[in-house]
PDB file of N, CA and C in Angstrom:
ATOM      1  N   MET A   1    -244.815-181.486 -20.965  1.00  0.00           N
ATOM      2  CA  MET A   1    -244.669-182.190 -22.228  1.00  0.00           C
ATOM      3  C   MET A   1    -243.213-182.627 -22.357  1.00  0.00           C
ATOM      4  N   GLU A   2    -243.001-183.850 -22.791  1.00  0.00           N
ATOM      5  CA  GLU A   2    -241.642-184.353 -22.917  1.00  0.00           C
ATOM      6  C   GLU A   2    -240.961-183.759 -24.148  1.00  0.00           C
ATOM      7  N   GLN A   3    -239.633-183.895 -24.193  1.00  0.00           N
ATOM      8  CA  GLN A   3    -238.823-183.277 -25.241  1.00  0.00           C
ATOM      9  C   GLN A   3    -239.217-183.751 -26.636  1.00  0.00           C
ATOM     10  N   SER A   4    -239.359-185.081 -26.846  1.00  0.00           N
ATOM     11  CA  SER A   4    -239.669-185.582 -28.183  1.00  0.00           C
ATOM     12  C   SER A   4    -241.071-185.150 -28.623  1.00  0.00           C
ATOM     13  N   GLY A   5    -242.009-185.062 -27.694  1.00  0.00           N
ATOM     14  CA  GLY A   5    -243.356-184.589 -28.017  1.00  0.00           C
ATOM     15  C   GLY A   5    -243.340-183.148 -28.483  1.00  0.00           C
ATOM     16  N   LEU A   6    -242.495-182.339 -27.857  1.00  0.00           N
ATOM     17  CA  LEU A   6    -242.357-180.941 -28.253  1.00  0.00           C
ATOM     18  C   LEU A   6    -241.754-180.829 -29.643  1.00  0.00           C
ATOM     19  N   VAL A   7    -240.740-181.640 -29.924  1.00  0.00           N
ATOM     20  CA  VAL A   7    -240.101-181.617 -31.239  1.00  0.00           C
ATOM     21  C   VAL A   7    -241.096-182.027 -32.319  1.00  0.00           C
ATOM     22  N   VAL A   8    -241.870-183.090 -32.057  1.00  0.00           N
ATOM     23  CA  VAL A   8    -242.876-183.542 -33.021  1.00  0.00           C
ATOM     24  C   VAL A   8    -243.913-182.445 -33.256  1.00  0.00           C
ATOM     25  N   GLN A   9    -244.328-181.782 -32.200  1.00  0.00           N
ATOM     26  CA  GLN A   9    -245.310-180.706 -32.329  1.00  0.00           C
ATOM     27  C   GLN A   9    -244.741-179.547 -33.147  1.00  0.00           C
ATOM     28  N   ILE A  10    -243.487-179.202 -32.926  1.00  0.00           N
ATOM     29  CA  ILE A  10    -242.851-178.117 -33.696  1.00  0.00           C
ATOM     30  C   ILE A  10    -242.759-178.494 -35.171  1.00  0.00           C
ATOM     31  N   ILE A  11    -242.335-179.736 -35.446  1.00  0.00           N
ATOM     32  CA  ILE A  11    -242.222-180.192 -36.832  1.00  0.00           C
ATOM     33  C   ILE A  11    -243.585-180.197 -37.504  1.00  0.00           C
ATOM     34  N   GLU A  12    -244.588-180.654 -36.795  1.00  0.00           N
ATOM     35  CA  GLU A  12    -245.951-180.666 -37.336  1.00  0.00           C
ATOM     36  C   GLU A  12    -246.424-179.248 -37.638  1.00  0.00           C
ATOM     37  N   THR A  13    -246.147-178.320 -36.741  1.00  0.00           N
ATOM     38  CA  THR A  13    -246.532-176.924 -36.940  1.00  0.00           C
ATOM     39  C   THR A  13    -245.815-176.324 -38.144  1.00  0.00           C
ATOM     40  N   VAL A  14    -244.527-176.626 -38.273  1.00  0.00           N
ATOM     41  CA  VAL A  14    -243.755-176.131 -39.419  1.00  0.00           C
ATOM     42  C   VAL A  14    -244.323-176.686 -40.720  1.00  0.00           C
ATOM     43  N   SER A  15    -244.635-177.990 -40.748  1.00  0.00           N
ATOM     44  CA  SER A  15    -245.164-178.582 -41.987  1.00  0.00           C
ATOM     45  C   SER A  15    -246.540-178.012 -42.330  1.00  0.00           C
ATOM     46  N   ILE A  16    -247.350-177.754 -41.336  1.00  0.00           N
ATOM     47  CA  ILE A  16    -248.650-177.124 -41.589  1.00  0.00           C
ATOM     48  C   ILE A  16    -248.453-175.702 -42.124  1.00  0.00           C
ATOM     49  N   GLY A  17    -247.475-174.995 -41.562  1.00  0.00           N
ATOM     50  CA  GLY A  17    -247.166-173.652 -42.055  1.00  0.00           C
ATOM     51  C   GLY A  17    -246.720-173.665 -43.509  1.00  0.00           C
ATOM     52  N   ILE A  18    -245.891-174.639 -43.868  1.00  0.00           N
ATOM     53  CA  ILE A  18    -245.435-174.746 -45.256  1.00  0.00           C
ATOM     54  C   ILE A  18    -246.598-175.105 -46.175  1.00  0.00           C
ATOM     55  N   GLU A  19    -247.485-175.991 -45.722  1.00  0.00           N
ATOM     56  CA  GLU A  19    -248.686-176.299 -46.508  1.00  0.00           C
ATOM     57  C   GLU A  19    -249.538-175.048 -46.702  1.00  0.00           C
ATOM     58  N   PHE A  20    -249.692-174.274 -45.641  1.00  0.00           N
ATOM     59  CA  PHE A  20    -250.472-173.035 -45.731  1.00  0.00           C
ATOM     60  C   PHE A  20    -249.851-172.092 -46.757  1.00  0.00           C
ATOM     61  N   ILE A  21    -248.523-171.979 -46.743  1.00  0.00           N
ATOM     62  CA  ILE A  21    -247.840-171.120 -47.722  1.00  0.00           C
ATOM     63  C   ILE A  21    -248.122-171.615 -49.137  1.00  0.00           C
ATOM     64  N   GLY A  22    -248.064-172.941 -49.344  1.00  0.00           N
ATOM     65  CA  GLY A  22    -248.339-173.501 -50.668  1.00  0.00           C
ATOM     66  C   GLY A  22    -249.735-173.179 -51.153  1.00  0.00           C
ATOM     67  N   VAL A  23    -250.712-173.356 -50.283  1.00  0.00           N
ATOM     68  CA  VAL A  23    -252.106-173.053 -50.651  1.00  0.00           C
ATOM     69  C   VAL A  23    -252.266-171.548 -50.874  1.00  0.00           C
ATOM     70  N   ALA A  24    -251.634-170.741 -50.023  1.00  0.00           N
ATOM     71  CA  ALA A  24    -251.729-169.280 -50.176  1.00  0.00           C
ATOM     72  C   ALA A  24    -251.114-168.823 -51.489  1.00  0.00           C
ATOM     73  N   VAL A  25    -249.991-169.407 -51.866  1.00  0.00           N
ATOM     74  CA  VAL A  25    -249.357-169.061 -53.148  1.00  0.00           C
ATOM     75  C   VAL A  25    -250.335-169.326 -54.288  1.00  0.00           C
ATOM     76  N   ILE A  26    -250.970-170.486 -54.270  1.00  0.00           N
ATOM     77  CA  ILE A  26    -251.896-170.838 -55.349  1.00  0.00           C
ATOM     78  C   ILE A  26    -253.106-169.900 -55.363  1.00  0.00           C
ATOM     79  N   VAL A  27    -253.719-169.686 -54.209  1.00  0.00           N
ATOM     80  CA  VAL A  27    -254.927-168.857 -54.134  1.00  0.00           C
ATOM     81  C   VAL A  27    -254.617-167.406 -54.506  1.00  0.00           C
ATOM     82  N   LEU A  28    -253.563-166.843 -53.912  1.00  0.00           N
ATOM     83  CA  LEU A  28    -253.224-165.448 -54.209  1.00  0.00           C
ATOM     84  C   LEU A  28    -252.809-165.263 -55.661  1.00  0.00           C
ATOM     85  N   ALA A  29    -252.095-166.226 -56.203  1.00  0.00           N
ATOM     86  CA  ALA A  29    -251.694-166.131 -57.608  1.00  0.00           C
ATOM     87  C   ALA A  29    -252.907-166.185 -58.528  1.00  0.00           C
ATOM     88  N   PHE A  30    -253.879-167.046 -58.207  1.00  0.00           N
ATOM     89  CA  PHE A  30    -255.098-167.101 -59.013  1.00  0.00           C
ATOM     90  C   PHE A  30    -255.827-165.765 -58.962  1.00  0.00           C
ATOM     91  N   LEU A  31    -255.984-165.215 -57.766  1.00  0.00           N
ATOM     92  CA  LEU A  31    -256.672-163.927 -57.634  1.00  0.00           C
ATOM     93  C   LEU A  31    -255.932-162.830 -58.389  1.00  0.00           C
ATOM     94  N   TYR A  32    -254.615-162.774 -58.208  1.00  0.00           N
ATOM     95  CA  TYR A  32    -253.805-161.767 -58.902  1.00  0.00           C
ATOM     96  C   TYR A  32    -253.898-161.953 -60.412  1.00  0.00           C
ATOM     97  N   ALA A  33    -253.830-163.201 -60.866  1.00  0.00           N
ATOM     98  CA  ALA A  33    -253.886-163.480 -62.301  1.00  0.00           C
ATOM     99  C   ALA A  33    -255.219-163.050 -62.895  1.00  0.00           C
ATOM    100  N   ILE A  34    -256.290-163.280 -62.162  1.00  0.00           N
ATOM    101  CA  ILE A  34    -257.610-162.883 -62.667  1.00  0.00           C
ATOM    102  C   ILE A  34    -257.699-161.362 -62.774  1.00  0.00           C
ATOM    103  N   VAL A  35    -257.256-160.661 -61.739  1.00  0.00           N
ATOM    104  CA  VAL A  35    -257.289-159.182 -61.770  1.00  0.00           C
ATOM    105  C   VAL A  35    -256.402-158.669 -62.899  1.00  0.00           C
ATOM    106  N   ARG A  36    -255.204-159.239 -62.985  1.00  0.00           N
ATOM    107  CA  ARG A  36    -254.268-158.824 -64.038  1.00  0.00           C
ATOM    108  C   ARG A  36    -254.822-159.144 -65.426  1.00  0.00           C
ATOM    109  N   GLY A  37    -255.441-160.313 -65.573  1.00  0.00           N
ATOM    110  CA  GLY A  37    -256.028-160.690 -66.854  1.00  0.00           C
ATOM    111  C   GLY A  37    -257.153-159.763 -67.265  1.00  0.00           C
ATOM    112  N   ILE A  38    -258.000-159.403 -66.305  1.00  0.00           N
ATOM    113  CA  ILE A  38    -259.094-158.472 -66.607  1.00  0.00           C
ATOM    114  C   ILE A  38    -258.538-157.109 -66.999  1.00  0.00           C
ATOM    115  N   ALA A  39    -257.508-156.659 -66.286  1.00  0.00           N
ATOM    116  CA  ALA A  39    -256.900-155.361 -66.615  1.00  0.00           C
ATOM    117  C   ALA A  39    -256.277-155.388 -68.008  1.00  0.00           C
ATOM    118  N   HIS A  40    -255.565-156.452 -68.326  1.00  0.00           N
ATOM    119  CA  HIS A  40    -254.945-156.550 -69.658  1.00  0.00           C
ATOM    120  C   HIS A  40    -256.002-156.681 -70.746  1.00  0.00           C
ATOM    121  N   TRP A  41    -257.070-157.408 -70.461  1.00  0.00           N
ATOM    122  CA  TRP A  41    -258.149-157.545 -71.424  1.00  0.00           C
ATOM    123  C   TRP A  41    -258.805-156.185 -71.676  1.00  0.00           C
ATOM    124  N   GLY A  42    -258.992-155.416 -70.593  1.00  0.00           N
ATOM    125  CA  GLY A  42    -259.583-154.084 -70.728  1.00  0.00           C
ATOM    126  C   GLY A  42    -258.695-153.137 -71.515  1.00  0.00           C
ATOM    127  N   GLN A  43    -257.387-153.356 -71.443  1.00  0.00           N
ATOM    128  CA  GLN A  43    -256.436-152.529 -72.191  1.00  0.00           C
ATOM    129  C   GLN A  43    -256.206-153.058 -73.609  1.00  0.00           C
ATOM    130  N   ARG A  44    -256.881-154.142 -73.928  1.00  0.00           N
ATOM    131  CA  ARG A  44    -256.777-154.777 -75.250  1.00  0.00           C
ATOM    132  C   ARG A  44    -255.351-155.235 -75.571  1.00  0.00           C
ATOM    133  N   LYS A  45    -254.650-155.706 -74.550  1.00  0.00           N
ATOM    134  CA  LYS A  45    -253.298-156.231 -74.774  1.00  0.00           C
ATOM    135  C   LYS A  45    -253.374-157.575 -75.484  1.00  0.00           C
ATOM    136  N   ALA A  46    -252.329-157.859 -76.255  1.00  0.00           N
ATOM    137  CA  ALA A  46    -252.277-159.121 -76.991  1.00  0.00           C
ATOM    138  C   ALA A  46    -251.938-160.272 -76.046  1.00  0.00           C
ATOM    139  N   ASP A  47    -252.364-161.452 -76.396  1.00  0.00           N
ATOM    140  CA  ASP A  47    -252.031-162.690 -75.676  1.00  0.00           C
ATOM    141  C   ASP A  47    -252.457-162.691 -74.211  1.00  0.00           C
ATOM    142  N   VAL A  48    -253.592-162.115 -73.898  1.00  0.00           N
ATOM    143  CA  VAL A  48    -254.059-162.082 -72.511  1.00  0.00           C
ATOM    144  C   VAL A  48    -254.249-163.496 -71.977  1.00  0.00           C
ATOM    145  N   TYR A  49    -254.885-164.353 -72.751  1.00  0.00           N
ATOM    146  CA  TYR A  49    -255.137-165.724 -72.310  1.00  0.00           C
ATOM    147  C   TYR A  49    -253.832-166.478 -72.087  1.00  0.00           C
ATOM    148  N   ASP A  50    -252.896-166.366 -73.019  1.00  0.00           N
ATOM    149  CA  ASP A  50    -251.619-167.077 -72.885  1.00  0.00           C
ATOM    150  C   ASP A  50    -250.840-166.599 -71.669  1.00  0.00           C
ATOM    151  N   ARG A  51    -250.824-165.302 -71.435  1.00  0.00           N
ATOM    152  CA  ARG A  51    -250.131-164.766 -70.249  1.00  0.00           C
ATOM    153  C   ARG A  51    -250.768-165.284 -68.960  1.00  0.00           C
ATOM    154  N   LEU A  52    -252.094-165.295 -68.942  1.00  0.00           N
ATOM    155  CA  LEU A  52    -252.829-165.778 -67.773  1.00  0.00           C
ATOM    156  C   LEU A  52    -252.531-167.256 -67.526  1.00  0.00           C
ATOM    157  N   ARG A  53    -252.539-168.032 -68.575  1.00  0.00           N
ATOM    158  CA  ARG A  53    -252.283-169.474 -68.471  1.00  0.00           C
ATOM    159  C   ARG A  53    -250.876-169.749 -67.968  1.00  0.00           C
ATOM    160  N   VAL A  54    -249.892-169.044 -68.469  1.00  0.00           N
ATOM    161  CA  VAL A  54    -248.502-169.239 -68.039  1.00  0.00           C
ATOM    162  C   VAL A  54    -248.336-168.825 -66.578  1.00  0.00           C
ATOM    163  N   PHE A  55    -248.906-167.698 -66.192  1.00  0.00           N
ATOM    164  CA  PHE A  55    -248.781-167.229 -64.812  1.00  0.00           C
ATOM    165  C   PHE A  55    -249.410-168.222 -63.841  1.00  0.00           C
ATOM    166  N   ILE A  56    -250.608-168.693 -64.155  1.00  0.00           N
ATOM    167  CA  ILE A  56    -251.294-169.653 -63.281  1.00  0.00           C
ATOM    168  C   ILE A  56    -250.534-170.974 -63.237  1.00  0.00           C
ATOM    169  N   GLY A  57    -250.016-171.415 -64.374  1.00  0.00           N
ATOM    170  CA  GLY A  57    -249.244-172.657 -64.406  1.00  0.00           C
ATOM    171  C   GLY A  57    -248.011-172.590 -63.525  1.00  0.00           C
ATOM    172  N   LYS A  58    -247.296-171.487 -63.588  1.00  0.00           N
ATOM    173  CA  LYS A  58    -246.098-171.326 -62.755  1.00  0.00           C
ATOM    174  C   LYS A  58    -246.467-171.239 -61.273  1.00  0.00           C
ATOM    175  N   ALA A  59    -247.572-170.587 -60.971  1.00  0.00           N
ATOM    176  CA  ALA A  59    -248.027-170.501 -59.576  1.00  0.00           C
ATOM    177  C   ALA A  59    -248.423-171.876 -59.051  1.00  0.00           C
ATOM    178  N   LEU A  60    -249.079-172.673 -59.879  1.00  0.00           N
ATOM    179  CA  LEU A  60    -249.436-174.038 -59.474  1.00  0.00           C
ATOM    180  C   LEU A  60    -248.186-174.865 -59.195  1.00  0.00           C
ATOM    181  N   GLN A  61    -247.190-174.735 -60.045  1.00  0.00           N
ATOM    182  CA  GLN A  61    -245.947-175.476 -59.830  1.00  0.00           C
ATOM    183  C   GLN A  61    -245.282-175.065 -58.521  1.00  0.00           C
ATOM    184  N   LEU A  62    -245.228-173.776 -58.253  1.00  0.00           N
ATOM    185  CA  LEU A  62    -244.625-173.304 -57.011  1.00  0.00           C
ATOM    186  C   LEU A  62    -245.414-173.794 -55.804  1.00  0.00           C
ATOM    187  N   GLY A  63    -246.724-173.699 -55.865  1.00  0.00           N
ATOM    188  CA  GLY A  63    -247.554-174.188 -54.770  1.00  0.00           C
ATOM    189  C   GLY A  63    -247.377-175.678 -54.538  1.00  0.00           C
ATOM    190  N   LEU A  64    -247.289-176.463 -55.614  1.00  0.00           N
ATOM    191  CA  LEU A  64    -247.057-177.901 -55.486  1.00  0.00           C
ATOM    192  C   LEU A  64    -245.721-178.197 -54.816  1.00  0.00           C
ATOM    193  N   GLU A  65    -244.710-177.406 -55.109  1.00  0.00           N
ATOM    194  CA  GLU A  65    -243.395-177.611 -54.479  1.00  0.00           C
ATOM    195  C   GLU A  65    -243.487-177.417 -52.964  1.00  0.00           C
ATOM    196  N   PHE A  66    -244.205-176.399 -52.533  1.00  0.00           N
ATOM    197  CA  PHE A  66    -244.395-176.186 -51.092  1.00  0.00           C
ATOM    198  C   PHE A  66    -245.152-177.358 -50.458  1.00  0.00           C
ATOM    199  N   LEU A  67    -246.190-177.834 -51.137  1.00  0.00           N
ATOM    200  CA  LEU A  67    -246.974-178.939 -50.601  1.00  0.00           C
ATOM    201  C   LEU A  67    -246.161-180.225 -50.510  1.00  0.00           C
ATOM    202  N   VAL A  68    -245.331-180.482 -51.500  1.00  0.00           N
ATOM    203  CA  VAL A  68    -244.457-181.660 -51.452  1.00  0.00           C
ATOM    204  C   VAL A  68    -243.462-181.527 -50.299  1.00  0.00           C
ATOM    205  N   ALA A  69    -242.892-180.353 -50.137  1.00  0.00           N
ATOM    206  CA  ALA A  69    -241.933-180.136 -49.046  1.00  0.00           C
ATOM    207  C   ALA A  69    -242.585-180.394 -47.692  1.00  0.00           C
ATOM    208  N   ALA A  70    -243.791-179.918 -47.509  1.00  0.00           N
ATOM    209  CA  ALA A  70    -244.503-180.140 -46.240  1.00  0.00           C
ATOM    210  C   ALA A  70    -244.762-181.623 -46.010  1.00  0.00           C
ATOM    211  N   ASP A  71    -245.161-182.334 -47.052  1.00  0.00           N
ATOM    212  CA  ASP A  71    -245.391-183.780 -46.922  1.00  0.00           C
ATOM    213  C   ASP A  71    -244.101-184.520 -46.568  1.00  0.00           C
ATOM    214  N   ILE A  72    -243.017-184.138 -47.189  1.00  0.00           N
ATOM    215  CA  ILE A  72    -241.733-184.790 -46.908  1.00  0.00           C
ATOM    216  C   ILE A  72    -241.327-184.549 -45.460  1.00  0.00           C
ATOM    217  N   ILE A  73    -241.418-183.319 -45.016  1.00  0.00           N
ATOM    218  CA  ILE A  73    -241.049-182.999 -43.631  1.00  0.00           C
ATOM    219  C   ILE A  73    -241.895-183.798 -42.658  1.00  0.00           C
ATOM    220  N   ARG A  74    -243.186-183.795 -42.874  1.00  0.00           N
ATOM    221  CA  ARG A  74    -244.090-184.489 -41.952  1.00  0.00           C
ATOM    222  C   ARG A  74    -243.830-185.995 -41.947  1.00  0.00           C
ATOM    223  N   THR A  75    -243.691-186.580 -43.105  1.00  0.00           N
ATOM    224  CA  THR A  75    -243.560-188.034 -43.189  1.00  0.00           C
ATOM    225  C   THR A  75    -242.202-188.516 -42.709  1.00  0.00           C
ATOM    226  N   VAL A  76    -241.144-187.893 -43.158  1.00  0.00           N
ATOM    227  CA  VAL A  76    -239.801-188.367 -42.829  1.00  0.00           C
ATOM    228  C   VAL A  76    -239.434-188.087 -41.379  1.00  0.00           C
ATOM    229  N   LEU A  77    -239.818-186.940 -40.865  1.00  0.00           N
ATOM    230  CA  LEU A  77    -239.399-186.572 -39.516  1.00  0.00           C
ATOM    231  C   LEU A  77    -240.369-187.013 -38.425  1.00  0.00           C
ATOM    232  N   ILE A  78    -241.630-187.168 -38.739  1.00  0.00           N
ATOM    233  CA  ILE A  78    -242.593-187.504 -37.693  1.00  0.00           C
ATOM    234  C   ILE A  78    -242.937-188.989 -37.686  1.00  0.00           C
ATOM    235  N   GLU A  79    -243.225-189.553 -38.841  1.00  0.00           N
ATOM    236  CA  GLU A  79    -243.704-190.933 -38.881  1.00  0.00           C
ATOM    237  C   GLU A  79    -243.001-191.716 -39.996  1.00  0.00           C
ATOM    238  N   PRO A  80    -241.705-192.031 -39.822  1.00  0.00           N
ATOM    239  CA  PRO A  80    -240.955-192.702 -40.890  1.00  0.00           C
ATOM    240  C   PRO A  80    -241.161-194.221 -40.925  1.00  0.00           C
ATOM    241  N   THR A  81    -242.412-194.659 -40.973  1.00  0.00           N
ATOM    242  CA  THR A  81    -242.693-196.085 -41.108  1.00  0.00           C
ATOM    243  C   THR A  81    -243.048-196.377 -42.561  1.00  0.00           C
ATOM    244  N   LEU A  82    -243.158-197.638 -42.888  1.00  0.00           N
ATOM    245  CA  LEU A  82    -243.321-198.041 -44.285  1.00  0.00           C
ATOM    246  C   LEU A  82    -244.592-197.489 -44.932  1.00  0.00           C
ATOM    247  N   GLN A  83    -245.727-197.602 -44.276  1.00  0.00           N
ATOM    248  CA  GLN A  83    -246.985-197.172 -44.893  1.00  0.00           C
ATOM    249  C   GLN A  83    -247.007-195.669 -45.211  1.00  0.00           C
ATOM    250  N   PRO A  84    -246.648-194.777 -44.263  1.00  0.00           N
ATOM    251  CA  PRO A  84    -246.610-193.354 -44.619  1.00  0.00           C
ATOM    252  C   PRO A  84    -245.563-193.032 -45.684  1.00  0.00           C
ATOM    253  N   LEU A  85    -244.437-193.741 -45.676  1.00  0.00           N
ATOM    254  CA  LEU A  85    -243.427-193.497 -46.704  1.00  0.00           C
ATOM    255  C   LEU A  85    -243.934-193.904 -48.084  1.00  0.00           C
ATOM    256  N   LEU A  86    -244.663-195.007 -48.169  1.00  0.00           N
ATOM    257  CA  LEU A  86    -245.251-195.418 -49.445  1.00  0.00           C
ATOM    258  C   LEU A  86    -246.307-194.418 -49.910  1.00  0.00           C
ATOM    259  N   ALA A  87    -247.126-193.950 -48.979  1.00  0.00           N
ATOM    260  CA  ALA A  87    -248.127-192.934 -49.320  1.00  0.00           C
ATOM    261  C   ALA A  87    -247.442-191.656 -49.801  1.00  0.00           C
ATOM    262  N   LEU A  88    -246.344-191.277 -49.142  1.00  0.00           N
ATOM    263  CA  LEU A  88    -245.585-190.102 -49.571  1.00  0.00           C
ATOM    264  C   LEU A  88    -245.036-190.310 -50.975  1.00  0.00           C
ATOM    265  N   GLY A  89    -244.518-191.500 -51.242  1.00  0.00           N
ATOM    266  CA  GLY A  89    -244.001-191.801 -52.578  1.00  0.00           C
ATOM    267  C   GLY A  89    -245.060-191.648 -53.651  1.00  0.00           C
ATOM    268  N   VAL A  90    -246.257-192.143 -53.372  1.00  0.00           N
ATOM    269  CA  VAL A  90    -247.364-192.023 -54.327  1.00  0.00           C
ATOM    270  C   VAL A  90    -247.728-190.549 -54.529  1.00  0.00           C
ATOM    271  N   LEU A  91    -247.802-189.787 -53.436  1.00  0.00           N
ATOM    272  CA  LEU A  91    -248.107-188.351 -53.555  1.00  0.00           C
ATOM    273  C   LEU A  91    -247.055-187.620 -54.377  1.00  0.00           C
ATOM    274  N   ILE A  92    -245.794-187.937 -54.140  1.00  0.00           N
ATOM    275  CA  ILE A  92    -244.721-187.270 -54.883  1.00  0.00           C
ATOM    276  C   ILE A  92    -244.800-187.622 -56.368  1.00  0.00           C
ATOM    277  N   VAL A  93    -245.085-188.877 -56.674  1.00  0.00           N
ATOM    278  CA  VAL A  93    -245.219-189.275 -58.083  1.00  0.00           C
ATOM    279  C   VAL A  93    -246.380-188.522 -58.736  1.00  0.00           C
ATOM    280  N   ILE A  94    -247.520-188.458 -58.050  1.00  0.00           N
ATOM    281  CA  ILE A  94    -248.685-187.750 -58.607  1.00  0.00           C
ATOM    282  C   ILE A  94    -248.371-186.276 -58.813  1.00  0.00           C
ATOM    283  N   ARG A  95    -247.766-185.645 -57.829  1.00  0.00           N
ATOM    284  CA  ARG A  95    -247.463-184.214 -57.949  1.00  0.00           C
ATOM    285  C   ARG A  95    -246.380-183.955 -58.983  1.00  0.00           C
ATOM    286  N   THR A  96    -245.447-184.890 -59.136  1.00  0.00           N
ATOM    287  CA  THR A  96    -244.423-184.746 -60.166  1.00  0.00           C
ATOM    288  C   THR A  96    -245.048-184.839 -61.554  1.00  0.00           C
ATOM    289  N   VAL A  97    -245.952-185.783 -61.738  1.00  0.00           N
ATOM    290  CA  VAL A  97    -246.649-185.905 -63.019  1.00  0.00           C
ATOM    291  C   VAL A  97    -247.461-184.642 -63.303  1.00  0.00           C
ATOM    292  N   LEU A  98    -248.125-184.106 -62.283  1.00  0.00           N
ATOM    293  CA  LEU A  98    -248.863-182.848 -62.461  1.00  0.00           C
ATOM    294  C   LEU A  98    -247.922-181.711 -62.873  1.00  0.00           C
ATOM    295  N   SER A  99    -246.799-181.620 -62.201  1.00  0.00           N
ATOM    296  CA  SER A  99    -245.825-180.572 -62.517  1.00  0.00           C
ATOM    297  C   SER A  99    -245.291-180.738 -63.936  1.00  0.00           C
ATOM    298  N   TRP A 100    -244.985-181.964 -64.321  1.00  0.00           N
ATOM    299  CA  TRP A 100    -244.502-182.224 -65.685  1.00  0.00           C
ATOM    300  C   TRP A 100    -245.562-181.858 -66.713  1.00  0.00           C
ATOM    301  N   SER A 101    -246.814-182.209 -66.437  1.00  0.00           N
ATOM    302  CA  SER A 101    -247.867-181.900 -67.399  1.00  0.00           C
ATOM    303  C   SER A 101    -248.061-180.389 -67.539  1.00  0.00           C
ATOM    304  N   ILE A 102    -247.906-179.666 -66.439  1.00  0.00           N
ATOM    305  CA  ILE A 102    -247.989-178.204 -66.509  1.00  0.00           C
ATOM    306  C   ILE A 102    -246.839-177.666 -67.349  1.00  0.00           C
ATOM    307  N   THR A 103    -245.633-178.191 -67.138  1.00  0.00           N
ATOM    308  CA  THR A 103    -244.470-177.748 -67.914  1.00  0.00           C
ATOM    309  C   THR A 103    -244.653-178.055 -69.392  1.00  0.00           C
ATOM    310  N   VAL A 104    -245.131-179.251 -69.715  1.00  0.00           N
ATOM    311  CA  VAL A 104    -245.364-179.610 -71.114  1.00  0.00           C
ATOM    312  C   VAL A 104    -246.401-178.680 -71.730  1.00  0.00           C
ATOM    313  N   ASP A 105    -247.441-178.344 -70.976  1.00  0.00           N
ATOM    314  CA  ASP A 105    -248.467-177.443 -71.478  1.00  0.00           C
ATOM    315  C   ASP A 105    -247.916-176.039 -71.704  1.00  0.00           C
ATOM    316  N   LEU A 106    -247.083-175.568 -70.777  1.00  0.00           N
ATOM    317  CA  LEU A 106    -246.570-174.199 -70.881  1.00  0.00           C
ATOM    318  C   LEU A 106    -245.416-174.076 -71.880  1.00  0.00           C
ATOM    319  N   GLU A 107    -244.499-175.032 -71.855  1.00  0.00           N
ATOM    320  CA  GLU A 107    -243.277-174.925 -72.646  1.00  0.00           C
ATOM    321  C   GLU A 107    -243.347-175.676 -73.975  1.00  0.00           C
ATOM    322  N   GLY A 108    -244.254-176.641 -74.071  1.00  0.00           N
ATOM    323  CA  GLY A 108    -244.362-177.417 -75.296  1.00  0.00           C
ATOM    324  C   GLY A 108    -243.329-178.529 -75.404  1.00  0.00           C
ATOM    325  N   CYS A 109    -242.644-178.845 -74.302  1.00  0.00           N
ATOM    326  CA  CYS A 109    -241.659-179.923 -74.293  1.00  0.00           C
ATOM    327  C   CYS A 109    -241.517-180.445 -72.868  1.00  0.00           C
ATOM    328  N   TRP A 110    -240.793-181.561 -72.717  1.00  0.00           N
ATOM    329  CA  TRP A 110    -240.587-182.149 -71.399  1.00  0.00           C
ATOM    330  C   TRP A 110    -239.705-181.243 -70.541  1.00  0.00           C
ATOM    331  N   PRO A 111    -239.839-181.332 -69.210  1.00  0.00           N
ATOM    332  CA  PRO A 111    -239.053-180.450 -68.333  1.00  0.00           C
ATOM    333  C   PRO A 111    -237.549-180.517 -68.579  1.00  0.00           C
ATOM    334  N   TRP A 112    -237.022-181.690 -68.873  1.00  0.00           N
ATOM    335  CA  TRP A 112    -235.584-181.816 -69.077  1.00  0.00           C
ATOM    336  C   TRP A 112    -235.143-181.286 -70.433  1.00  0.00           C
ATOM    337  N   GLN A 113    -236.084-180.954 -71.309  1.00  0.00           N
ATOM    338  CA  GLN A 113    -235.748-180.387 -72.608  1.00  0.00           C
ATOM    339  C   GLN A 113    -235.826-178.861 -72.617  1.00  0.00           C
ATOM    340  N   VAL A 114    -236.372-178.266 -71.568  1.00  0.00           N
ATOM    341  CA  VAL A 114    -236.572-176.816 -71.524  1.00  0.00           C
ATOM    342  C   VAL A 114    -235.239-176.086 -71.621  1.00  0.00           C
ATOM    343  N   ALA A 115    -234.264-176.462 -70.791  1.00  0.00           N
ATOM    344  CA  ALA A 115    -232.968-175.783 -70.800  1.00  0.00           C
ATOM    345  C   ALA A 115    -232.278-175.955 -72.155  1.00  0.00           C
ATOM    346  N   LYS A 116    -232.358-177.135 -72.728  1.00  0.00           N
ATOM    347  CA  LYS A 116    -231.744-177.399 -74.030  1.00  0.00           C
ATOM    348  C   LYS A 116    -232.376-176.515 -75.101  1.00  0.00           C
ATOM    349  N   ASN A 117    -233.690-176.404 -75.088  1.00  0.00           N
ATOM    350  CA  ASN A 117    -234.394-175.571 -76.077  1.00  0.00           C
ATOM    351  C   ASN A 117    -234.068-174.097 -75.913  1.00  0.00           C
ATOM    352  N   LYS A 118    -233.890-173.646 -74.656  1.00  0.00           N
ATOM    353  CA  LYS A 118    -233.562-172.238 -74.424  1.00  0.00           C
ATOM    354  C   LYS A 118    -232.140-171.922 -74.883  1.00  0.00           C
ATOM    355  N   LYS A 119    -231.226-172.880 -74.759  1.00  0.00           N
ATOM    356  CA  LYS A 119    -229.846-172.674 -75.213  1.00  0.00           C
ATOM    357  C   LYS A 119    -229.798-172.552 -76.740  1.00  0.00           C
ATOM    358  N   GLU A 120    -230.659-173.307 -77.422  1.00  0.00           N
ATOM    359  CA  GLU A 120    -230.664-173.303 -78.887  1.00  0.00           C
ATOM    360  C   GLU A 120    -231.273-172.025 -79.459  1.00  0.00           C
ATOM    361  N   GLN A 121    -232.043-171.309 -78.660  1.00  0.00           N
ATOM    362  CA  GLN A 121    -232.720-170.101 -79.173  1.00  0.00           C
ATOM    363  C   GLN A 121    -231.844-168.914 -79.194  1.00  0.00           C
TER     364      GLN A 121
END
């Protein structure tokens, strides 16, 4: 195998590994959140639903970050032509909107307002 083919294969393997980590973060966090939610519900703790929602939202955001990183690595380093770069741009916009909507749902304000609101408290 030639040198550039080996490098492309390594980069592809790394990006797949990062994607796997992103999916694993989401799946494991969901499973953990469900077990934790059931345990808290059984203990009659307050705000079980809100805690579950916040935990899952943060796990989704973290998983999305891993998935975006894998897409960037794969697209920029392996196939930096116009069509894959445009597809990457669309994916990043969609995932950014998803992340923002999760933040708005969890924090009640836009992502850039979170730090400002925390300083005022």
